[in-house]
Amino acid sequence: MLSLHEYIALKERLIQGEINTDEAKSRLWENFKDGKRAWHTKDWKERRRKFLKDKCEICDSKETLTVQHLSHPKKFIEYTKEITRSLTKEFIHINSEIDKAQLEEHVKNNYTYEPIQLCPNCLNRKPNIRTRKSPKFLCTKCEHEFNEPSYLSVEELISIFYRNPDAIEVRDKCFTSKDKWHNQHNLNNIKYWHQRSLVQKSQLEYIEKKALLLYLVDTIKYLSFEDAITACKICASRYDLHQMDLCPECKKHYKGIKYDTCISCLPESRKNEVLEKLSFNKEMMDIHRNFGID
């Protein structure tokens, strides 16, 4: 596990081009060990001792004080996803169209097509399937009975998509990816993920370097206690587990950190409104639980 000063030095070397992204990642990840955390290091413990105040900055308690971080670094892969998503949005804005033949080839190579059944008479989608009567299918629109439904080919579906990307025929997720995930997509999804993969391939070095720098900046912020306070064990657990802190009005009840006060300190009219809403939500949760609905 690297120390704070080593993280800072690694970030500067990456910015100055003294090492490339792969070298920086190798230096970073090789120091991670299973079960090893920043707060286990001697560097952390020494700076923690100097940082902690003599009482909780939330409730003034002096019992079991700890460092409470108000923000945490994300996983490296989350930074890469955010950057890739942003770059893909820019790419699509400039290059909204993709060659039809290219998309067709991509679909055939990477997806299994499971066509939607159609009425051969009126091409209505998803006819009723009968288990005891013959013919097997019944169209609910034109009432045509038949044993063999019609299907659109991949080429026909893509042609419809290029004429009208919002057409009802192309909305179904009738394509399953051939990778290990077996995700189901419609043509809009496929087009987006294909364009995203083009961005990833063409800008991989930029994406990874920017993501790593963002990761290092947030990790340095975390390790340096820049966005941290001294908190007692109770306030720290309330903050981490339930996103709650002490009400500044009464200094008695805890509230969600996004709210200004606890329910007890709200004006009477607003308090009744909130209590009624909470009561309704509880009733609905009980009903769902009784019916086995998660």
C-alpha atoms as a PDB file:
ATOM      1  CA  MET A   1       0.000   0.000   0.000  1.00  0.00           C
ATOM      2  CA  LEU A   2       1.488   3.327  -1.077  1.00  0.00           C
ATOM      3  CA  SER A   3       1.819   6.215   1.357  1.00  0.00           C
ATOM      4  CA  LEU A   4       0.231   9.614   0.731  1.00  0.00           C
ATOM      5  CA  HIS A   5       3.536  11.091  -0.475  1.00  0.00           C
ATOM      6  CA  GLU A   6       4.054   8.148  -2.843  1.00  0.00           C
ATOM      7  CA  TYR A   7       0.582   8.685  -4.339  1.00  0.00           C
ATOM      8  CA  ILE A   8       1.377  12.361  -4.885  1.00  0.00           C
ATOM      9  CA  ALA A   9       4.744  11.510  -6.492  1.00  0.00           C
ATOM     10  CA  LEU A  10       3.116   8.898  -8.754  1.00  0.00           C
ATOM     11  CA  LYS A  11       0.500  11.413  -9.941  1.00  0.00           C
ATOM     12  CA  GLU A  12       3.165  14.023 -10.739  1.00  0.00           C
ATOM     13  CA  ARG A  13       5.304  11.532 -12.655  1.00  0.00           C
ATOM     14  CA  LEU A  14       2.280  10.500 -14.724  1.00  0.00           C
ATOM     15  CA  ILE A  15       1.392  14.140 -15.467  1.00  0.00           C
ATOM     16  CA  GLN A  16       4.980  14.970 -16.459  1.00  0.00           C
ATOM     17  CA  GLY A  17       5.179  11.919 -18.758  1.00  0.00           C
ATOM     18  CA  GLU A  18       8.017  10.322 -16.802  1.00  0.00           C
ATOM     19  CA  ILE A  19       6.005   7.085 -16.753  1.00  0.00           C
ATOM     20  CA  ASN A  20       3.157   5.877 -18.961  1.00  0.00           C
ATOM     21  CA  THR A  21      -0.283   4.760 -17.817  1.00  0.00           C
ATOM     22  CA  ASP A  22       0.552   1.036 -17.758  1.00  0.00           C
ATOM     23  CA  GLU A  23       3.656   1.657 -15.644  1.00  0.00           C
ATOM     24  CA  ALA A  24       1.690   3.843 -13.232  1.00  0.00           C
ATOM     25  CA  LYS A  25      -1.077   1.231 -12.943  1.00  0.00           C
ATOM     26  CA  SER A  26       1.484  -1.503 -12.332  1.00  0.00           C
ATOM     27  CA  ARG A  27       3.139   0.566  -9.611  1.00  0.00           C
ATOM     28  CA  LEU A  28      -0.237   1.243  -8.056  1.00  0.00           C
ATOM     29  CA  TRP A  29      -1.841  -2.205  -8.171  1.00  0.00           C
ATOM     30  CA  GLU A  30       1.242  -4.195  -7.170  1.00  0.00           C
ATOM     31  CA  ASN A  31       1.084  -2.575  -3.754  1.00  0.00           C
ATOM     32  CA  PHE A  32      -2.451  -3.775  -3.048  1.00  0.00           C
ATOM     33  CA  LYS A  33      -2.758  -6.869  -0.923  1.00  0.00           C
ATOM     34  CA  ASP A  34      -5.869  -8.770   0.099  1.00  0.00           C
ATOM     35  CA  GLY A  35      -7.245  -7.311   3.316  1.00  0.00           C
ATOM     36  CA  LYS A  36      -4.716  -4.461   3.308  1.00  0.00           C
ATOM     37  CA  ARG A  37      -6.331  -1.037   3.730  1.00  0.00           C
ATOM     38  CA  ALA A  38      -5.006   2.522   3.914  1.00  0.00           C
ATOM     39  CA  TRP A  39      -5.880   2.815   7.597  1.00  0.00           C
ATOM     40  CA  HIS A  40      -3.651  -0.177   8.385  1.00  0.00           C
ATOM     41  CA  THR A  41      -0.497   1.677   7.349  1.00  0.00           C
ATOM     42  CA  LYS A  42       1.914   3.447   9.706  1.00  0.00           C
ATOM     43  CA  ASP A  43       1.653   6.609   7.565  1.00  0.00           C
ATOM     44  CA  TRP A  44      -2.125   6.743   8.054  1.00  0.00           C
ATOM     45  CA  LYS A  45      -1.992   6.102  11.781  1.00  0.00           C
ATOM     46  CA  GLU A  46       0.543   8.879  12.357  1.00  0.00           C
ATOM     47  CA  ARG A  47      -1.436  11.461  10.383  1.00  0.00           C
ATOM     48  CA  ARG A  48      -4.694  10.306  11.975  1.00  0.00           C
ATOM     49  CA  ARG A  49      -3.300  10.970  15.439  1.00  0.00           C
ATOM     50  CA  LYS A  50      -2.387  14.534  14.417  1.00  0.00           C
ATOM     51  CA  PHE A  51      -5.710  15.130  12.609  1.00  0.00           C
ATOM     52  CA  LEU A  52      -8.223  14.038  15.270  1.00  0.00           C
ATOM     53  CA  LYS A  53      -9.765  16.791  17.377  1.00  0.00           C
ATOM     54  CA  ASP A  54     -10.680  16.326  21.037  1.00  0.00           C
ATOM     55  CA  LYS A  55     -14.423  15.917  20.356  1.00  0.00           C
ATOM     56  CA  CYS A  56     -16.930  14.883  17.656  1.00  0.00           C
ATOM     57  CA  GLU A  57     -17.591  17.725  15.238  1.00  0.00           C
ATOM     58  CA  ILE A  58     -21.213  16.583  14.866  1.00  0.00           C
ATOM     59  CA  CYS A  59     -22.468  15.960  18.424  1.00  0.00           C
ATOM     60  CA  ASP A  60     -19.533  17.123  20.647  1.00  0.00           C
ATOM     61  CA  SER A  61     -19.121  13.643  22.154  1.00  0.00           C
ATOM     62  CA  LYS A  62     -15.611  12.626  23.262  1.00  0.00           C
ATOM     63  CA  GLU A  63     -16.302   8.880  23.077  1.00  0.00           C
ATOM     64  CA  THR A  64     -14.429   6.699  20.533  1.00  0.00           C
ATOM     65  CA  LEU A  65     -13.370   9.343  18.030  1.00  0.00           C
ATOM     66  CA  THR A  66     -12.515   8.485  14.426  1.00  0.00           C
ATOM     67  CA  VAL A  67     -11.825  10.086  11.048  1.00  0.00           C
ATOM     68  CA  GLN A  68     -15.106  10.484   9.162  1.00  0.00           C
ATOM     69  CA  HIS A  69     -14.662  10.984   5.407  1.00  0.00           C
ATOM     70  CA  LEU A  70     -17.391  12.995   3.707  1.00  0.00           C
ATOM     71  CA  SER A  71     -16.430  11.622   0.281  1.00  0.00           C
ATOM     72  CA  HIS A  72     -14.674   8.492  -0.987  1.00  0.00           C
ATOM     73  CA  PRO A  73     -12.726   7.672  -4.155  1.00  0.00           C
ATOM     74  CA  LYS A  74     -14.567   5.495  -6.657  1.00  0.00           C
ATOM     75  CA  LYS A  75     -13.215   2.336  -8.214  1.00  0.00           C
ATOM     76  CA  PHE A  76     -10.890   2.909 -11.170  1.00  0.00           C
ATOM     77  CA  ILE A  77     -13.311   1.217 -13.571  1.00  0.00           C
ATOM     78  CA  GLU A  78     -16.071   3.674 -12.595  1.00  0.00           C
ATOM     79  CA  TYR A  79     -13.910   6.582 -13.750  1.00  0.00           C
ATOM     80  CA  THR A  80     -13.219   4.832 -17.078  1.00  0.00           C
ATOM     81  CA  LYS A  81     -16.962   4.248 -17.583  1.00  0.00           C
ATOM     82  CA  GLU A  82     -17.834   7.885 -16.886  1.00  0.00           C
ATOM     83  CA  ILE A  83     -15.154   9.183 -19.277  1.00  0.00           C
ATOM     84  CA  THR A  84     -16.100   6.675 -21.981  1.00  0.00           C
ATOM     85  CA  ARG A  85     -19.773   7.582 -21.617  1.00  0.00           C
ATOM     86  CA  SER A  86     -18.981  11.286 -22.012  1.00  0.00           C
ATOM     87  CA  LEU A  87     -16.714  10.724 -25.033  1.00  0.00           C
ATOM     88  CA  THR A  88     -19.321   8.470 -26.646  1.00  0.00           C
ATOM     89  CA  LYS A  89     -21.959  11.172 -26.247  1.00  0.00           C
ATOM     90  CA  GLU A  90     -19.663  13.661 -28.005  1.00  0.00           C
ATOM     91  CA  PHE A  91     -18.826  11.121 -30.729  1.00  0.00           C
ATOM     92  CA  ILE A  92     -22.508  10.376 -31.425  1.00  0.00           C
ATOM     93  CA  HIS A  93     -23.315  14.085 -31.563  1.00  0.00           C
ATOM     94  CA  ILE A  94     -20.709  14.530 -34.327  1.00  0.00           C
ATOM     95  CA  ASN A  95     -21.072  11.101 -35.978  1.00  0.00           C
ATOM     96  CA  SER A  96     -24.695  10.174 -35.367  1.00  0.00           C
ATOM     97  CA  GLU A  97     -24.865   7.831 -38.363  1.00  0.00           C
ATOM     98  CA  ILE A  98     -23.062   4.559 -38.830  1.00  0.00           C
ATOM     99  CA  ASP A  99     -22.615   2.709 -42.116  1.00  0.00           C
ATOM    100  CA  LYS A 100     -25.512   0.297 -42.661  1.00  0.00           C
ATOM    101  CA  ALA A 101     -23.309  -2.520 -43.979  1.00  0.00           C
ATOM    102  CA  GLN A 102     -20.931  -2.082 -41.040  1.00  0.00           C
ATOM    103  CA  LEU A 103     -23.768  -2.317 -38.522  1.00  0.00           C
ATOM    104  CA  GLU A 104     -25.214  -5.344 -40.294  1.00  0.00           C
ATOM    105  CA  GLU A 105     -21.874  -7.144 -40.186  1.00  0.00           C
ATOM    106  CA  HIS A 106     -21.419  -6.228 -36.516  1.00  0.00           C
ATOM    107  CA  VAL A 107     -24.875  -7.561 -35.641  1.00  0.00           C
ATOM    108  CA  LYS A 108     -24.373 -10.872 -37.445  1.00  0.00           C
ATOM    109  CA  ASN A 109     -20.917 -11.427 -35.944  1.00  0.00           C
ATOM    110  CA  ASN A 110     -21.734 -10.521 -32.363  1.00  0.00           C
ATOM    111  CA  TYR A 111     -25.421 -11.277 -31.785  1.00  0.00           C
ATOM    112  CA  THR A 112     -27.867 -14.142 -32.024  1.00  0.00           C
ATOM    113  CA  TYR A 113     -31.137 -13.051 -33.615  1.00  0.00           C
ATOM    114  CA  GLU A 114     -34.406 -14.364 -32.181  1.00  0.00           C
ATOM    115  CA  PRO A 115     -37.083 -12.951 -34.526  1.00  0.00           C
ATOM    116  CA  ILE A 116     -40.513 -11.830 -33.372  1.00  0.00           C
ATOM    117  CA  GLN A 117     -43.409 -13.901 -34.692  1.00  0.00           C
ATOM    118  CA  LEU A 118     -45.694 -12.103 -37.162  1.00  0.00           C
ATOM    119  CA  CYS A 119     -49.074 -12.779 -38.698  1.00  0.00           C
ATOM    120  CA  PRO A 120     -48.464 -13.791 -42.364  1.00  0.00           C
ATOM    121  CA  ASN A 121     -51.674 -12.031 -43.388  1.00  0.00           C
ATOM    122  CA  CYS A 122     -51.346  -8.553 -41.803  1.00  0.00           C
ATOM    123  CA  LEU A 123     -47.858  -8.726 -40.205  1.00  0.00           C
ATOM    124  CA  ASN A 124     -49.310  -7.976 -36.781  1.00  0.00           C
ATOM    125  CA  ARG A 125     -46.759  -8.736 -34.044  1.00  0.00           C
ATOM    126  CA  LYS A 126     -46.890 -11.523 -31.475  1.00  0.00           C
ATOM    127  CA  PRO A 127     -50.017 -13.517 -32.418  1.00  0.00           C
ATOM    128  CA  ASN A 128     -51.697 -15.647 -29.759  1.00  0.00           C
ATOM    129  CA  ILE A 129     -50.295 -19.164 -29.372  1.00  0.00           C
ATOM    130  CA  ARG A 130     -52.965 -21.820 -28.842  1.00  0.00           C
ATOM    131  CA  THR A 131     -52.088 -25.085 -27.117  1.00  0.00           C
ATOM    132  CA  ARG A 132     -55.310 -27.038 -27.679  1.00  0.00           C
ATOM    133  CA  LYS A 133     -56.680 -25.723 -30.957  1.00  0.00           C
ATOM    134  CA  SER A 134     -55.440 -25.928 -34.498  1.00  0.00           C
ATOM    135  CA  PRO A 135     -54.138 -23.962 -36.323  1.00  0.00           C
ATOM    136  CA  LYS A 136     -51.627 -23.115 -33.592  1.00  0.00           C
ATOM    137  CA  PHE A 137     -51.646 -19.320 -34.048  1.00  0.00           C
ATOM    138  CA  LEU A 138     -54.412 -16.718 -34.022  1.00  0.00           C
ATOM    139  CA  CYS A 139     -53.876 -13.104 -35.009  1.00  0.00           C
ATOM    140  CA  THR A 140     -55.731 -10.814 -32.596  1.00  0.00           C
ATOM    141  CA  LYS A 141     -55.904  -8.046 -35.214  1.00  0.00           C
ATOM    142  CA  CYS A 142     -57.226  -9.691 -38.385  1.00  0.00           C
ATOM    143  CA  GLU A 143     -58.292 -13.016 -36.741  1.00  0.00           C
ATOM    144  CA  HIS A 144     -56.295 -15.008 -39.283  1.00  0.00           C
ATOM    145  CA  GLU A 145     -55.474 -18.561 -38.115  1.00  0.00           C
ATOM    146  CA  PHE A 146     -52.198 -20.175 -39.172  1.00  0.00           C
ATOM    147  CA  ASN A 147     -49.555 -22.723 -38.211  1.00  0.00           C
ATOM    148  CA  GLU A 148     -46.437 -20.967 -39.522  1.00  0.00           C
ATOM    149  CA  PRO A 149     -45.757 -17.353 -38.495  1.00  0.00           C
ATOM    150  CA  SER A 150     -43.768 -14.948 -40.625  1.00  0.00           C
ATOM    151  CA  TYR A 151     -40.504 -13.343 -39.556  1.00  0.00           C
ATOM    152  CA  LEU A 152     -38.420 -10.346 -40.502  1.00  0.00           C
ATOM    153  CA  SER A 153     -34.860 -11.128 -41.479  1.00  0.00           C
ATOM    154  CA  VAL A 154     -31.946  -9.260 -39.860  1.00  0.00           C
ATOM    155  CA  GLU A 155     -31.476  -7.331 -43.113  1.00  0.00           C
ATOM    156  CA  GLU A 156     -35.157  -6.328 -43.222  1.00  0.00           C
ATOM    157  CA  LEU A 157     -35.118  -5.244 -39.587  1.00  0.00           C
ATOM    158  CA  ILE A 158     -31.998  -3.117 -40.077  1.00  0.00           C
ATOM    159  CA  SER A 159     -33.531  -1.512 -43.175  1.00  0.00           C
ATOM    160  CA  ILE A 160     -36.592  -0.537 -41.134  1.00  0.00           C
ATOM    161  CA  PHE A 161     -34.280   0.802 -38.418  1.00  0.00           C
ATOM    162  CA  TYR A 162     -32.487   3.057 -40.911  1.00  0.00           C
ATOM    163  CA  ARG A 163     -35.770   4.367 -42.256  1.00  0.00           C
ATOM    164  CA  ASN A 164     -37.213   4.977 -38.795  1.00  0.00           C
ATOM    165  CA  PRO A 165     -35.148   4.213 -35.649  1.00  0.00           C
ATOM    166  CA  ASP A 166     -38.296   4.593 -33.527  1.00  0.00           C
ATOM    167  CA  ALA A 167     -40.393   2.112 -35.525  1.00  0.00           C
ATOM    168  CA  ILE A 168     -42.250  -0.413 -33.385  1.00  0.00           C
ATOM    169  CA  GLU A 169     -40.610  -3.317 -35.251  1.00  0.00           C
ATOM    170  CA  VAL A 170     -37.136  -2.398 -33.959  1.00  0.00           C
ATOM    171  CA  ARG A 171     -38.003  -1.840 -30.303  1.00  0.00           C
ATOM    172  CA  ASP A 172     -37.928  -5.478 -29.238  1.00  0.00           C
ATOM    173  CA  LYS A 173     -34.765  -6.793 -27.589  1.00  0.00           C
ATOM    174  CA  CYS A 174     -34.536  -9.731 -29.944  1.00  0.00           C
ATOM    175  CA  PHE A 175     -30.728  -9.824 -30.197  1.00  0.00           C
ATOM    176  CA  THR A 176     -28.627 -11.707 -27.634  1.00  0.00           C
ATOM    177  CA  SER A 177     -24.917 -10.989 -27.405  1.00  0.00           C
ATOM    178  CA  LYS A 178     -22.596 -13.915 -28.101  1.00  0.00           C
ATOM    179  CA  ASP A 179     -20.205 -12.947 -25.284  1.00  0.00           C
ATOM    180  CA  LYS A 180     -20.295 -14.456 -21.785  1.00  0.00           C
ATOM    181  CA  TRP A 181     -22.872 -11.903 -20.619  1.00  0.00           C
ATOM    182  CA  HIS A 182     -25.617 -12.872 -23.127  1.00  0.00           C
ATOM    183  CA  ASN A 183     -27.194  -9.417 -22.854  1.00  0.00           C
ATOM    184  CA  GLN A 184     -30.401  -8.764 -24.775  1.00  0.00           C
ATOM    185  CA  HIS A 185     -30.516  -5.666 -26.969  1.00  0.00           C
ATOM    186  CA  ASN A 186     -32.579  -3.974 -29.626  1.00  0.00           C
ATOM    187  CA  LEU A 187     -30.966  -2.244 -32.609  1.00  0.00           C
ATOM    188  CA  ASN A 188     -30.765   1.115 -30.845  1.00  0.00           C
ATOM    189  CA  ASN A 189     -28.830  -0.518 -27.999  1.00  0.00           C
ATOM    190  CA  ILE A 190     -26.556  -2.339 -30.422  1.00  0.00           C
ATOM    191  CA  LYS A 191     -25.788   0.825 -32.365  1.00  0.00           C
ATOM    192  CA  TYR A 192     -24.923   2.708 -29.168  1.00  0.00           C
ATOM    193  CA  TRP A 193     -22.642  -0.002 -27.760  1.00  0.00           C
ATOM    194  CA  HIS A 194     -20.928  -0.416 -31.114  1.00  0.00           C
ATOM    195  CA  GLN A 195     -20.222   3.316 -31.281  1.00  0.00           C
ATOM    196  CA  ARG A 196     -19.027   3.190 -27.679  1.00  0.00           C
ATOM    197  CA  SER A 197     -16.637   0.334 -28.497  1.00  0.00           C
ATOM    198  CA  LEU A 198     -15.234   2.386 -31.399  1.00  0.00           C
ATOM    199  CA  VAL A 199     -14.548   5.235 -28.970  1.00  0.00           C
ATOM    200  CA  GLN A 200     -12.910   2.869 -26.468  1.00  0.00           C
ATOM    201  CA  LYS A 201     -10.609   1.384 -29.076  1.00  0.00           C
ATOM    202  CA  SER A 202      -9.586   4.702 -30.615  1.00  0.00           C
ATOM    203  CA  GLN A 203      -9.061   6.583 -27.333  1.00  0.00           C
ATOM    204  CA  LEU A 204      -8.045   3.830 -24.910  1.00  0.00           C
ATOM    205  CA  GLU A 205      -4.788   5.491 -23.803  1.00  0.00           C
ATOM    206  CA  TYR A 206      -6.496   8.851 -23.210  1.00  0.00           C
ATOM    207  CA  ILE A 207      -9.385   7.237 -21.288  1.00  0.00           C
ATOM    208  CA  GLU A 208      -7.128   5.183 -19.040  1.00  0.00           C
ATOM    209  CA  LYS A 209      -4.723   8.043 -18.296  1.00  0.00           C
ATOM    210  CA  LYS A 210      -7.501  10.505 -17.469  1.00  0.00           C
ATOM    211  CA  ALA A 211      -9.294   7.894 -15.339  1.00  0.00           C
ATOM    212  CA  LEU A 212      -6.108   7.070 -13.465  1.00  0.00           C
ATOM    213  CA  LEU A 213      -5.392  10.744 -12.779  1.00  0.00           C
ATOM    214  CA  LEU A 214      -8.915  11.256 -11.451  1.00  0.00           C
ATOM    215  CA  TYR A 215      -8.536   8.155  -9.301  1.00  0.00           C
ATOM    216  CA  LEU A 216      -5.214   9.404  -7.928  1.00  0.00           C
ATOM    217  CA  VAL A 217      -6.592  12.909  -7.231  1.00  0.00           C
ATOM    218  CA  ASP A 218      -9.559  11.515  -5.268  1.00  0.00           C
ATOM    219  CA  THR A 219      -7.385   8.976  -3.444  1.00  0.00           C
ATOM    220  CA  ILE A 220      -4.943  11.710  -2.422  1.00  0.00           C
ATOM    221  CA  LYS A 221      -7.892  13.792  -1.219  1.00  0.00           C
ATOM    222  CA  TYR A 222      -9.080  10.807   0.827  1.00  0.00           C
ATOM    223  CA  LEU A 223      -5.670   9.939   2.291  1.00  0.00           C
ATOM    224  CA  SER A 224      -4.877  13.563   3.193  1.00  0.00           C
ATOM    225  CA  PHE A 225      -8.144  13.941   5.189  1.00  0.00           C
ATOM    226  CA  GLU A 226      -8.971  16.973   3.024  1.00  0.00           C
ATOM    227  CA  ASP A 227     -12.698  16.206   3.060  1.00  0.00           C
ATOM    228  CA  ALA A 228     -12.950  14.692   6.536  1.00  0.00           C
ATOM    229  CA  ILE A 229     -14.037  15.558  10.058  1.00  0.00           C
ATOM    230  CA  THR A 230     -13.628  14.109  13.543  1.00  0.00           C
ATOM    231  CA  ALA A 231     -16.679  12.028  14.480  1.00  0.00           C
ATOM    232  CA  CYS A 232     -17.670   9.707  17.287  1.00  0.00           C
ATOM    233  CA  LYS A 233     -18.458   6.070  16.537  1.00  0.00           C
ATOM    234  CA  ILE A 234     -22.242   6.633  16.566  1.00  0.00           C
ATOM    235  CA  CYS A 235     -22.205   9.662  14.242  1.00  0.00           C
ATOM    236  CA  ALA A 236     -19.717   7.973  11.901  1.00  0.00           C
ATOM    237  CA  SER A 237     -21.836   4.831  11.565  1.00  0.00           C
ATOM    238  CA  ARG A 238     -25.013   6.879  11.021  1.00  0.00           C
ATOM    239  CA  TYR A 239     -23.269   8.820   8.269  1.00  0.00           C
ATOM    240  CA  ASP A 240     -21.693   5.805   6.512  1.00  0.00           C
ATOM    241  CA  LEU A 241     -24.551   3.315   6.830  1.00  0.00           C
ATOM    242  CA  HIS A 242     -27.612   5.560   6.624  1.00  0.00           C
ATOM    243  CA  GLN A 243     -26.359   8.888   5.175  1.00  0.00           C
ATOM    244  CA  MET A 244     -27.563  10.702   8.303  1.00  0.00           C
ATOM    245  CA  ASP A 245     -26.166  13.426  10.544  1.00  0.00           C
ATOM    246  CA  LEU A 246     -27.357  15.280  13.640  1.00  0.00           C
ATOM    247  CA  CYS A 247     -30.105  17.878  13.240  1.00  0.00           C
ATOM    248  CA  PRO A 248     -28.534  21.359  13.658  1.00  0.00           C
ATOM    249  CA  GLU A 249     -31.753  22.716  15.182  1.00  0.00           C
ATOM    250  CA  CYS A 250     -32.406  20.379  18.106  1.00  0.00           C
ATOM    251  CA  LYS A 251     -29.010  18.622  18.298  1.00  0.00           C
ATOM    252  CA  LYS A 252     -31.012  15.604  19.386  1.00  0.00           C
ATOM    253  CA  HIS A 253     -32.376  13.655  16.416  1.00  0.00           C
ATOM    254  CA  TYR A 254     -30.576  12.393  13.299  1.00  0.00           C
ATOM    255  CA  LYS A 255     -31.754  13.345   9.796  1.00  0.00           C
ATOM    256  CA  GLY A 256     -30.868  12.515   6.195  1.00  0.00           C
ATOM    257  CA  ILE A 257     -27.838  14.580   5.152  1.00  0.00           C
ATOM    258  CA  LYS A 258     -29.787  16.024   2.203  1.00  0.00           C
ATOM    259  CA  TYR A 259     -32.374  17.557   4.558  1.00  0.00           C
ATOM    260  CA  ASP A 260     -32.013  20.770   6.585  1.00  0.00           C
ATOM    261  CA  THR A 261     -33.668  19.490   9.757  1.00  0.00           C
ATOM    262  CA  CYS A 262     -35.170  16.390  11.348  1.00  0.00           C
ATOM    263  CA  ILE A 263     -38.925  15.757  11.131  1.00  0.00           C
ATOM    264  CA  SER A 264     -39.488  17.007  14.690  1.00  0.00           C
ATOM    265  CA  CYS A 265     -38.045  20.423  13.823  1.00  0.00           C
ATOM    266  CA  LEU A 266     -40.175  20.951  10.733  1.00  0.00           C
ATOM    267  CA  PRO A 267     -43.039  23.479  10.757  1.00  0.00           C
ATOM    268  CA  GLU A 268     -46.244  21.803  11.939  1.00  0.00           C
ATOM    269  CA  SER A 269     -47.940  21.755   8.501  1.00  0.00           C
ATOM    270  CA  ARG A 270     -44.878  20.319   6.801  1.00  0.00           C
ATOM    271  CA  LYS A 271     -44.340  17.804   9.621  1.00  0.00           C
ATOM    272  CA  ASN A 272     -47.867  16.377   9.241  1.00  0.00           C
ATOM    273  CA  GLU A 273     -47.402  16.104   5.490  1.00  0.00           C
ATOM    274  CA  VAL A 274     -44.141  14.157   5.904  1.00  0.00           C
ATOM    275  CA  LEU A 275     -45.576  11.860   8.603  1.00  0.00           C
ATOM    276  CA  GLU A 276     -48.586  11.042   6.412  1.00  0.00           C
ATOM    277  CA  LYS A 277     -46.267  10.199   3.519  1.00  0.00           C
ATOM    278  CA  LEU A 278     -44.105   7.970   5.730  1.00  0.00           C
ATOM    279  CA  SER A 279     -47.211   6.221   7.062  1.00  0.00           C
ATOM    280  CA  PHE A 280     -48.482   5.611   3.511  1.00  0.00           C
ATOM    281  CA  ASN A 281     -45.093   4.243   2.396  1.00  0.00           C
ATOM    282  CA  LYS A 282     -45.033   1.877   5.376  1.00  0.00           C
ATOM    283  CA  GLU A 283     -48.539   0.617   4.551  1.00  0.00           C
ATOM    284  CA  MET A 284     -47.541  -0.026   0.942  1.00  0.00           C
ATOM    285  CA  MET A 285     -44.398  -1.888   2.038  1.00  0.00           C
ATOM    286  CA  ASP A 286     -46.526  -4.083   4.355  1.00  0.00           C
ATOM    287  CA  ILE A 287     -48.956  -4.815   1.504  1.00  0.00           C
ATOM    288  CA  HIS A 288     -46.097  -5.741  -0.843  1.00  0.00           C
ATOM    289  CA  ARG A 289     -44.559  -7.947   1.842  1.00  0.00           C
ATOM    290  CA  ASN A 290     -47.843  -9.766   2.436  1.00  0.00           C
ATOM    291  CA  PHE A 291     -48.186 -10.454  -1.301  1.00  0.00           C
ATOM    292  CA  GLY A 292     -44.555 -11.549  -1.574  1.00  0.00           C
ATOM    293  CA  ILE A 293     -43.589  -8.542  -3.712  1.00  0.00           C
ATOM    294  CA  ASP A 294     -40.021  -7.330  -3.172  1.00  0.00           C
END
